[in-house]
Structures are given as C-alpha cells and as structure tokens.
Amino acid sequence: MWERSHASGQVSAVGPSDDDLTQLLTIRAFERKLLDLFERGMLNGTTHTCLGQEYVPVALEPLLRPADHVFSNHRGHGHYLARHRDPEGLLAEIMGRRGAVCGGVGGSQHIRRDRYLSTGVQGESLPVACGVTLHLKRAEPGALACVYIGDGTFGEGGVYEALNLAALWQLPLLVVVENNGIAQSTPTARNMAGTIAGRAAAFGIAHLRTDSVDLDAIRTLLAPAVAAVRQGRPLVAEFATHRLGPHSKGDDTRGAEEIAAAHAADWYPRYAAADPERFARLDAAARARIDAVAADVTGREPA
C-alpha cells in the first residue's frame, strides 16, 4: 500500500516550464471567459468551472499516454483542455457553433473525443471505466483508465461497486478525486463519514493524497504509483484542492471567510509571485489567445 502524502502547498524555486504554465493560464483564461460570456447573456444552459483546480489535470497529463482513456465529470473543461489543447472546439461545443467537438449536442458537460468522455451524471464513469479497463487488461496491457470525480461523488453506490470490481479483477484504474471540501453546497464534513483514504482501504486499494500545487512535486509523488496502476494495481489519488467559484454560476453558499481562504490557497498568485515577469508575459498571451478564440467562435454559424 502506498503511503499518504502531506506535501507542501508551496511551489518550487525552479517553477513550471513555459508549456505547463501556459496550459494552466489558458485553462484559467478559458473559464473566466465562460463566466464573462454568461454574464453578457451569450451562453445558455449551465456550466461548472474548474477555477482553482486547473493544476490537477495539467500535473497528471504527462503521466498519461495516448492509449489511456480519460473519464471526466461535470467540472471537466480543464480535463479536456489538458488532454486535447482545443479551446476552439470546446467553446464551439458549449456555444453550439460550427467546429463543435460533438456537433453542439454535448454542451459543457457531455463531451466525447477519441478516448476522452465526460458526463454530468455523478459516479457514472467509474463502472463504465471498469469495463474499459477489463478490456485494456486483456487487449492493450499497459494502458489505463483515469477517472476524475469529486469528493461528493463518494455518496454514489456505483463508486463502491466499481472499486470492488477494480480490486477483485486487478484493473488498471486510476481514480483521481478532486476533493474541494464541498459537494455542490454541502461541506464534505457534513456528508461524509470517515475519509476517502479509509474507503479506498476497505477495498484494499492504494491511496495517495496531496495538497501540493507544485506540478513537479505532484508528478514525482504519483509517477511510481501510476506505473503500478498500469500493472493492475488500482489507485485512488486524492487532491486536497479548492473551488474558487460557485458550484455552477451563482449558487455559492460559502461564507466570505471560507471563500477568501480558497483564494489564499490558489496556485495562481503563488506562481505569479515566484516568477512575476515570466508569469505576466505568459498570462497576457493566454488571455489574448482566449479572447481571440471567443471572438472567432461567437461569430460562427450554429452547428
């Protein structure tokens, strides 16, 4: 069993590469642009931004391979962008415009592209991923399925059925838990007895936990465990993270002090302080790119 980590939330003196930082800032700019478009009445439906959690998929992506499957959830824009680097296609999908990833029928939450699939149904992906990983184990050894879920999804029975199967069948299943401490509007402490680590242990599944926002530190921690997943040792990787915004667009029930604490723990000001000049340059470039994407996509005809 892998040991739990209590890594520091600080960032390394070296800092992320230009590519990593660009990815982080592009996802941040994309999510901010979505909220701006909603405020201007240019989007319909709903959306769940990953503001504050962008570093999780960016940290994981180099540990994944093209043959791996990625299953996302309702808060999945960052997962998609880290995987496919396609803000044009994603925004077109959300807006129902030409060039949409799924022809405009999937919207914000339901995206399918190659071996990437997202859903707004909590816990749905885990049983599906078990079927996929059973196939991978037999037909494509060395490949895995990475499933992103939130802490609130541990209230779904399908999660435990899937963990049971993964342990019994020794499936190459990586469960990434983005634990932001609140399930929609209910604090995790008020809806979860015990811990995520304890629930993984009940099935004999390895568990790692980190509160770090340092990409290199996260990768160093997870790399050997992910390699073990590829050999049929399932893993629950828990990120103690923070959701900056509301559950959706305007349903935040947290108090001002709690929201301020989330912003204080955010990766964005930490990376900005670590290398101000480079950060400002790449941040401006990411914002400019997303501005250009939005200008292009909003001018397209419907899908």
Protein backbone atom coordinates (compact mmCIF):
# COMPACT_ATOMS: atom_id res chain seq x y z
CA MET A 1 0.00 0.00 0.00
CA TRP A 2 1.33 3.40 -0.94
CA GLU A 3 1.83 5.89 1.85
CA ARG A 4 -0.25 9.01 2.04
CA SER A 5 1.47 12.30 1.23
CA HIS A 6 1.16 15.58 3.05
CA ALA A 7 3.16 17.58 0.50
CA SER A 8 3.50 21.32 0.97
CA GLY A 9 1.32 23.67 -1.00
CA GLN A 10 4.35 25.80 -1.89
CA VAL A 11 5.79 25.94 -5.40
CA SER A 12 9.36 25.02 -6.23
CA ALA A 13 12.02 27.66 -6.80
CA VAL A 14 12.53 26.39 -10.36
CA GLY A 15 8.85 26.76 -11.23
CA PRO A 16 6.88 25.14 -14.06
CA SER A 17 8.03 25.02 -17.66
CA ASP A 18 6.66 27.59 -20.10
CA ASP A 19 4.43 24.89 -21.58
CA ASP A 20 2.99 23.88 -18.20
CA LEU A 21 2.41 27.46 -17.13
CA THR A 22 0.80 28.27 -20.47
CA GLN A 23 -1.56 25.33 -20.02
CA LEU A 24 -2.52 26.45 -16.53
CA LEU A 25 -3.12 30.02 -17.62
CA THR A 26 -5.03 29.02 -20.75
CA ILE A 27 -7.48 26.96 -18.71
CA ARG A 28 -7.85 29.81 -16.20
CA ALA A 29 -8.49 32.31 -19.01
CA PHE A 30 -10.97 29.94 -20.69
CA GLU A 31 -13.03 29.52 -17.52
CA ARG A 32 -13.04 33.26 -16.86
CA LYS A 33 -14.18 33.85 -20.43
CA LEU A 34 -17.08 31.45 -19.98
CA LEU A 35 -18.30 33.36 -16.94
CA ASP A 36 -17.95 36.61 -18.86
CA LEU A 37 -19.99 35.23 -21.76
CA PHE A 38 -22.70 34.05 -19.37
CA GLU A 39 -22.87 37.47 -17.74
CA ARG A 40 -23.32 39.02 -21.17
CA GLY A 41 -26.18 36.64 -21.99
CA MET A 42 -24.26 34.89 -24.76
CA LEU A 43 -24.45 31.34 -23.37
CA ASN A 44 -27.38 29.12 -22.47
CA GLY A 45 -27.76 26.28 -20.01
CA THR A 46 -25.24 25.95 -17.23
CA THR A 47 -21.54 25.44 -16.67
CA HIS A 48 -19.29 24.37 -13.84
CA THR A 49 -15.85 25.98 -13.93
CA CYS A 50 -12.71 24.39 -12.53
CA LEU A 51 -11.26 27.70 -11.27
CA GLY A 52 -8.70 26.80 -8.61
CA GLN A 53 -8.37 23.18 -9.75
CA GLU A 54 -6.66 23.70 -13.12
CA TYR A 55 -3.33 22.31 -11.92
CA VAL A 56 -4.72 18.81 -11.29
CA PRO A 57 -5.15 17.67 -14.92
CA VAL A 58 -2.10 19.66 -16.03
CA ALA A 59 0.02 17.81 -13.46
CA LEU A 60 -1.39 14.43 -14.49
CA GLU A 61 -1.31 14.73 -18.26
CA PRO A 62 2.43 13.89 -18.73
CA LEU A 63 1.85 10.71 -16.70
CA LEU A 64 -0.83 9.58 -19.16
CA ARG A 65 -0.38 8.09 -22.62
CA PRO A 66 -2.38 8.46 -25.86
CA ALA A 67 -3.73 4.91 -25.43
CA ASP A 68 -5.14 5.71 -21.98
CA HIS A 69 -8.81 6.52 -21.51
CA VAL A 70 -9.82 9.66 -19.60
CA PHE A 71 -13.25 9.95 -17.99
CA SER A 72 -14.31 13.38 -16.82
CA ASN A 73 -17.28 14.85 -14.95
CA HIS A 74 -19.44 17.97 -14.87
CA ARG A 75 -16.45 20.16 -13.89
CA GLY A 76 -14.36 18.96 -16.78
CA HIS A 77 -13.21 21.83 -19.02
CA GLY A 78 -9.71 21.68 -17.56
CA HIS A 79 -9.57 17.92 -18.03
CA TYR A 80 -10.46 18.30 -21.71
CA LEU A 81 -8.10 21.20 -22.36
CA ALA A 82 -5.17 19.47 -20.64
CA ARG A 83 -5.82 16.39 -22.75
CA HIS A 84 -6.62 17.92 -26.15
CA ARG A 85 -5.49 21.57 -26.00
CA ASP A 86 -8.51 22.59 -28.02
CA PRO A 87 -10.24 25.68 -26.61
CA GLU A 88 -11.76 26.44 -30.03
CA GLY A 89 -13.59 23.13 -30.26
CA LEU A 90 -14.70 23.19 -26.64
CA LEU A 91 -16.08 26.73 -26.76
CA ALA A 92 -17.82 25.94 -30.05
CA GLU A 93 -19.40 22.92 -28.36
CA ILE A 94 -20.58 24.97 -25.39
CA MET A 95 -21.98 27.65 -27.71
CA GLY A 96 -23.39 25.20 -30.28
CA ARG A 97 -21.37 26.70 -33.13
CA ARG A 98 -19.57 25.32 -36.16
CA GLY A 99 -16.48 23.34 -35.22
CA ALA A 100 -18.04 21.95 -32.03
CA VAL A 101 -16.39 18.80 -30.71
CA CYS A 102 -19.68 16.88 -30.62
CA GLY A 103 -21.70 18.87 -33.10
CA GLY A 104 -23.09 21.08 -30.36
CA VAL A 105 -25.24 18.38 -28.74
CA GLY A 106 -22.99 17.71 -25.74
CA GLY A 107 -22.66 21.21 -24.35
CA SER A 108 -20.49 21.89 -21.33
CA GLN A 109 -20.74 18.52 -19.60
CA HIS A 110 -21.06 15.73 -22.16
CA ILE A 111 -18.02 15.53 -24.42
CA ARG A 112 -16.65 12.57 -26.37
CA ARG A 113 -13.43 12.73 -28.34
CA ASP A 114 -11.17 9.77 -29.06
CA ARG A 115 -10.57 8.16 -25.67
CA TYR A 116 -11.95 11.08 -23.68
CA LEU A 117 -15.50 11.06 -22.29
CA SER A 118 -17.24 13.38 -19.83
CA THR A 119 -20.64 13.15 -18.17
CA GLY A 120 -22.73 15.19 -15.79
CA VAL A 121 -24.06 12.07 -14.06
CA GLN A 122 -22.20 11.69 -10.79
CA GLY A 123 -20.35 8.39 -10.45
CA GLU A 124 -21.46 7.10 -13.85
CA SER A 125 -17.95 6.91 -15.28
CA LEU A 126 -16.49 4.56 -12.69
CA PRO A 127 -18.49 1.41 -13.58
CA VAL A 128 -18.02 2.20 -17.28
CA ALA A 129 -14.27 2.59 -16.69
CA CYS A 130 -14.18 -0.84 -15.06
CA GLY A 131 -15.50 -2.36 -18.27
CA VAL A 132 -12.99 -0.38 -20.30
CA THR A 133 -10.07 -1.37 -18.07
CA LEU A 134 -11.08 -5.02 -18.20
CA HIS A 135 -10.78 -4.76 -21.98
CA LEU A 136 -7.48 -2.89 -21.71
CA LYS A 137 -6.08 -5.54 -19.38
CA ARG A 138 -6.88 -8.24 -21.91
CA ALA A 139 -6.25 -6.47 -25.22
CA GLU A 140 -3.96 -3.49 -24.51
CA PRO A 141 -1.79 -4.30 -21.50
CA GLY A 142 -0.05 -1.25 -20.07
CA ALA A 143 -2.91 1.14 -20.84
CA LEU A 144 -5.12 2.53 -18.07
CA ALA A 145 -8.29 4.50 -17.47
CA CYS A 146 -8.13 7.74 -15.49
CA VAL A 147 -11.43 8.78 -13.90
CA TYR A 148 -11.92 12.24 -12.38
CA ILE A 149 -14.51 12.50 -9.62
CA GLY A 150 -15.25 14.88 -6.76
CA ASP A 151 -15.48 14.16 -3.05
CA GLY A 152 -19.28 14.42 -3.19
CA THR A 153 -19.43 11.54 -5.66
CA PHE A 154 -18.47 9.18 -2.84
CA GLY A 155 -22.16 9.30 -1.95
CA GLU A 156 -22.93 7.21 -5.06
CA GLY A 157 -23.25 3.44 -4.73
CA GLY A 158 -21.78 2.87 -8.17
CA VAL A 159 -18.45 4.18 -6.85
CA TYR A 160 -18.18 1.30 -4.40
CA GLU A 161 -19.32 -1.33 -6.88
CA ALA A 162 -16.61 -0.10 -9.22
CA LEU A 163 -13.90 -0.05 -6.55
CA ASN A 164 -14.88 -3.58 -5.57
CA LEU A 165 -14.54 -4.80 -9.17
CA ALA A 166 -11.27 -2.92 -9.69
CA ALA A 167 -9.75 -4.59 -6.64
CA LEU A 168 -11.12 -8.06 -7.40
CA TRP A 169 -10.09 -8.04 -11.04
CA GLN A 170 -6.86 -6.05 -10.55
CA LEU A 171 -7.86 -3.46 -13.10
CA PRO A 172 -5.61 -0.63 -14.36
CA LEU A 173 -7.91 2.03 -12.88
CA LEU A 174 -6.70 5.44 -11.69
CA VAL A 175 -9.34 7.30 -9.68
CA VAL A 176 -8.49 10.99 -9.28
CA VAL A 177 -10.51 12.62 -6.51
CA GLU A 178 -10.62 16.42 -6.66
CA ASN A 179 -11.56 17.00 -3.03
CA ASN A 180 -12.51 20.67 -2.82
CA GLY A 181 -14.26 20.24 0.51
CA ILE A 182 -17.79 20.95 -0.70
CA ALA A 183 -20.34 18.86 -2.58
CA GLN A 184 -22.37 21.42 -4.55
CA SER A 185 -23.46 23.40 -1.48
CA THR A 186 -22.86 20.91 1.35
CA PRO A 187 -19.48 20.83 3.15
CA THR A 188 -17.83 17.43 2.89
CA ALA A 189 -17.58 17.21 6.68
CA ARG A 190 -21.38 17.20 6.81
CA ASN A 191 -21.97 14.47 4.25
CA MET A 192 -19.03 12.04 4.50
CA ALA A 193 -18.29 9.80 7.46
CA GLY A 194 -14.69 8.68 7.66
CA THR A 195 -12.20 9.53 4.94
CA ILE A 196 -11.56 8.81 1.28
CA ALA A 197 -8.39 7.00 2.32
CA GLY A 198 -10.41 4.77 4.61
CA ARG A 199 -12.91 3.98 1.89
CA ALA A 200 -10.14 3.01 -0.55
CA ALA A 201 -8.52 0.88 2.16
CA ALA A 202 -11.78 -1.00 2.68
CA PHE A 203 -11.29 -2.49 -0.79
CA GLY A 204 -7.54 -2.96 -0.40
CA ILE A 205 -6.90 -0.19 -2.94
CA ALA A 206 -3.84 2.04 -2.69
CA HIS A 207 -4.40 5.69 -1.82
CA LEU A 208 -2.26 8.80 -2.19
CA ARG A 209 -3.16 12.26 -1.03
CA THR A 210 -1.51 15.60 -1.78
CA ASP A 211 -2.25 19.23 -1.01
CA SER A 212 0.57 20.45 -3.24
CA VAL A 213 0.05 22.74 -6.23
CA ASP A 214 3.63 22.19 -7.43
CA LEU A 215 3.41 20.29 -10.72
CA ASP A 216 6.81 18.64 -10.44
CA ALA A 217 6.21 17.57 -6.84
CA ILE A 218 2.86 16.05 -7.78
CA ARG A 219 4.36 14.16 -10.70
CA THR A 220 7.24 12.86 -8.59
CA LEU A 221 4.75 11.62 -6.00
CA LEU A 222 2.37 9.97 -8.45
CA ALA A 223 4.70 8.59 -11.14
CA PRO A 224 5.59 5.27 -9.44
CA ALA A 225 2.00 4.73 -8.35
CA VAL A 226 0.66 5.36 -11.86
CA ALA A 227 3.24 2.90 -13.21
CA ALA A 228 1.84 0.34 -10.75
CA VAL A 229 -1.70 1.06 -11.97
CA ARG A 230 -0.59 0.01 -15.44
CA GLN A 231 0.31 -3.37 -13.95
CA GLY A 232 -3.15 -3.89 -12.48
CA ARG A 233 -2.86 -2.15 -9.12
CA PRO A 234 -5.75 0.35 -8.93
CA LEU A 235 -5.14 3.65 -7.17
CA VAL A 236 -7.19 6.42 -5.59
CA ALA A 237 -5.24 9.68 -5.90
CA GLU A 238 -6.78 12.40 -3.75
CA PHE A 239 -6.06 16.07 -4.36
CA ALA A 240 -6.92 18.40 -1.49
CA THR A 241 -7.86 21.32 -3.69
CA HIS A 242 -10.05 24.43 -3.71
CA ARG A 243 -13.02 25.55 -5.75
CA LEU A 244 -12.78 29.32 -6.18
CA GLY A 245 -16.20 29.91 -7.66
CA PRO A 246 -19.71 28.62 -7.01
CA HIS A 247 -20.88 25.13 -7.83
CA SER A 248 -22.31 26.45 -11.08
CA LYS A 249 -22.68 30.13 -11.90
CA GLY A 250 -24.32 31.72 -8.87
CA ASP A 251 -25.08 29.16 -6.19
CA ASP A 252 -22.24 29.65 -3.71
CA THR A 253 -23.42 29.16 -0.13
CA ARG A 254 -20.00 29.57 1.48
CA GLY A 255 -19.23 32.47 3.76
CA ALA A 256 -16.80 35.25 2.85
CA GLU A 257 -14.10 33.85 5.14
CA GLU A 258 -14.23 30.41 3.53
CA ILE A 259 -14.13 31.87 0.01
CA ALA A 260 -11.18 34.07 0.98
CA ALA A 261 -9.33 31.01 2.30
CA ALA A 262 -9.84 29.24 -1.02
CA HIS A 263 -8.40 32.22 -2.90
CA ALA A 264 -5.45 32.38 -0.49
CA ALA A 265 -4.61 28.75 -1.31
CA ASP A 266 -4.93 29.26 -5.08
CA TRP A 267 -2.00 28.33 -7.31
CA TYR A 268 -2.35 31.50 -9.43
CA PRO A 269 -0.90 34.10 -7.01
CA ARG A 270 1.79 31.65 -5.87
CA TYR A 271 3.11 31.13 -9.36
CA ALA A 272 2.79 34.85 -10.08
CA ALA A 273 4.90 35.72 -7.04
CA ALA A 274 7.52 33.06 -7.84
CA ASP A 275 8.38 34.49 -11.29
CA PRO A 276 6.47 37.76 -11.87
CA GLU A 277 7.90 38.78 -15.25
CA ARG A 278 7.52 35.41 -16.96
CA PHE A 279 4.12 34.85 -15.38
CA ALA A 280 2.78 38.22 -16.55
CA ARG A 281 4.04 37.61 -20.09
CA LEU A 282 2.51 34.15 -20.40
CA ASP A 283 -0.68 35.21 -18.66
CA ALA A 284 -1.19 38.07 -21.10
CA ALA A 285 -0.57 35.71 -24.02
CA ALA A 286 -3.07 33.15 -22.70
CA ARG A 287 -5.74 35.80 -22.17
CA ALA A 288 -5.14 37.20 -25.66
CA ARG A 289 -5.46 33.75 -27.20
CA ILE A 290 -8.75 33.03 -25.43
CA ASP A 291 -10.07 36.48 -26.35
CA ALA A 292 -9.30 35.69 -29.98
CA VAL A 293 -10.91 32.25 -29.71
CA ALA A 294 -14.07 33.77 -28.23
CA ALA A 295 -14.23 36.44 -30.93
CA ASP A 296 -13.88 33.78 -33.62
CA VAL A 297 -16.34 31.26 -32.18
CA THR A 298 -19.07 33.77 -31.34
CA GLY A 299 -19.05 34.87 -34.95
CA ARG A 300 -19.58 31.38 -36.35
CA GLU A 301 -22.88 29.99 -37.57
CA PRO A 302 -24.76 27.41 -35.47
CA ALA A 303 -23.53 23.82 -35.62
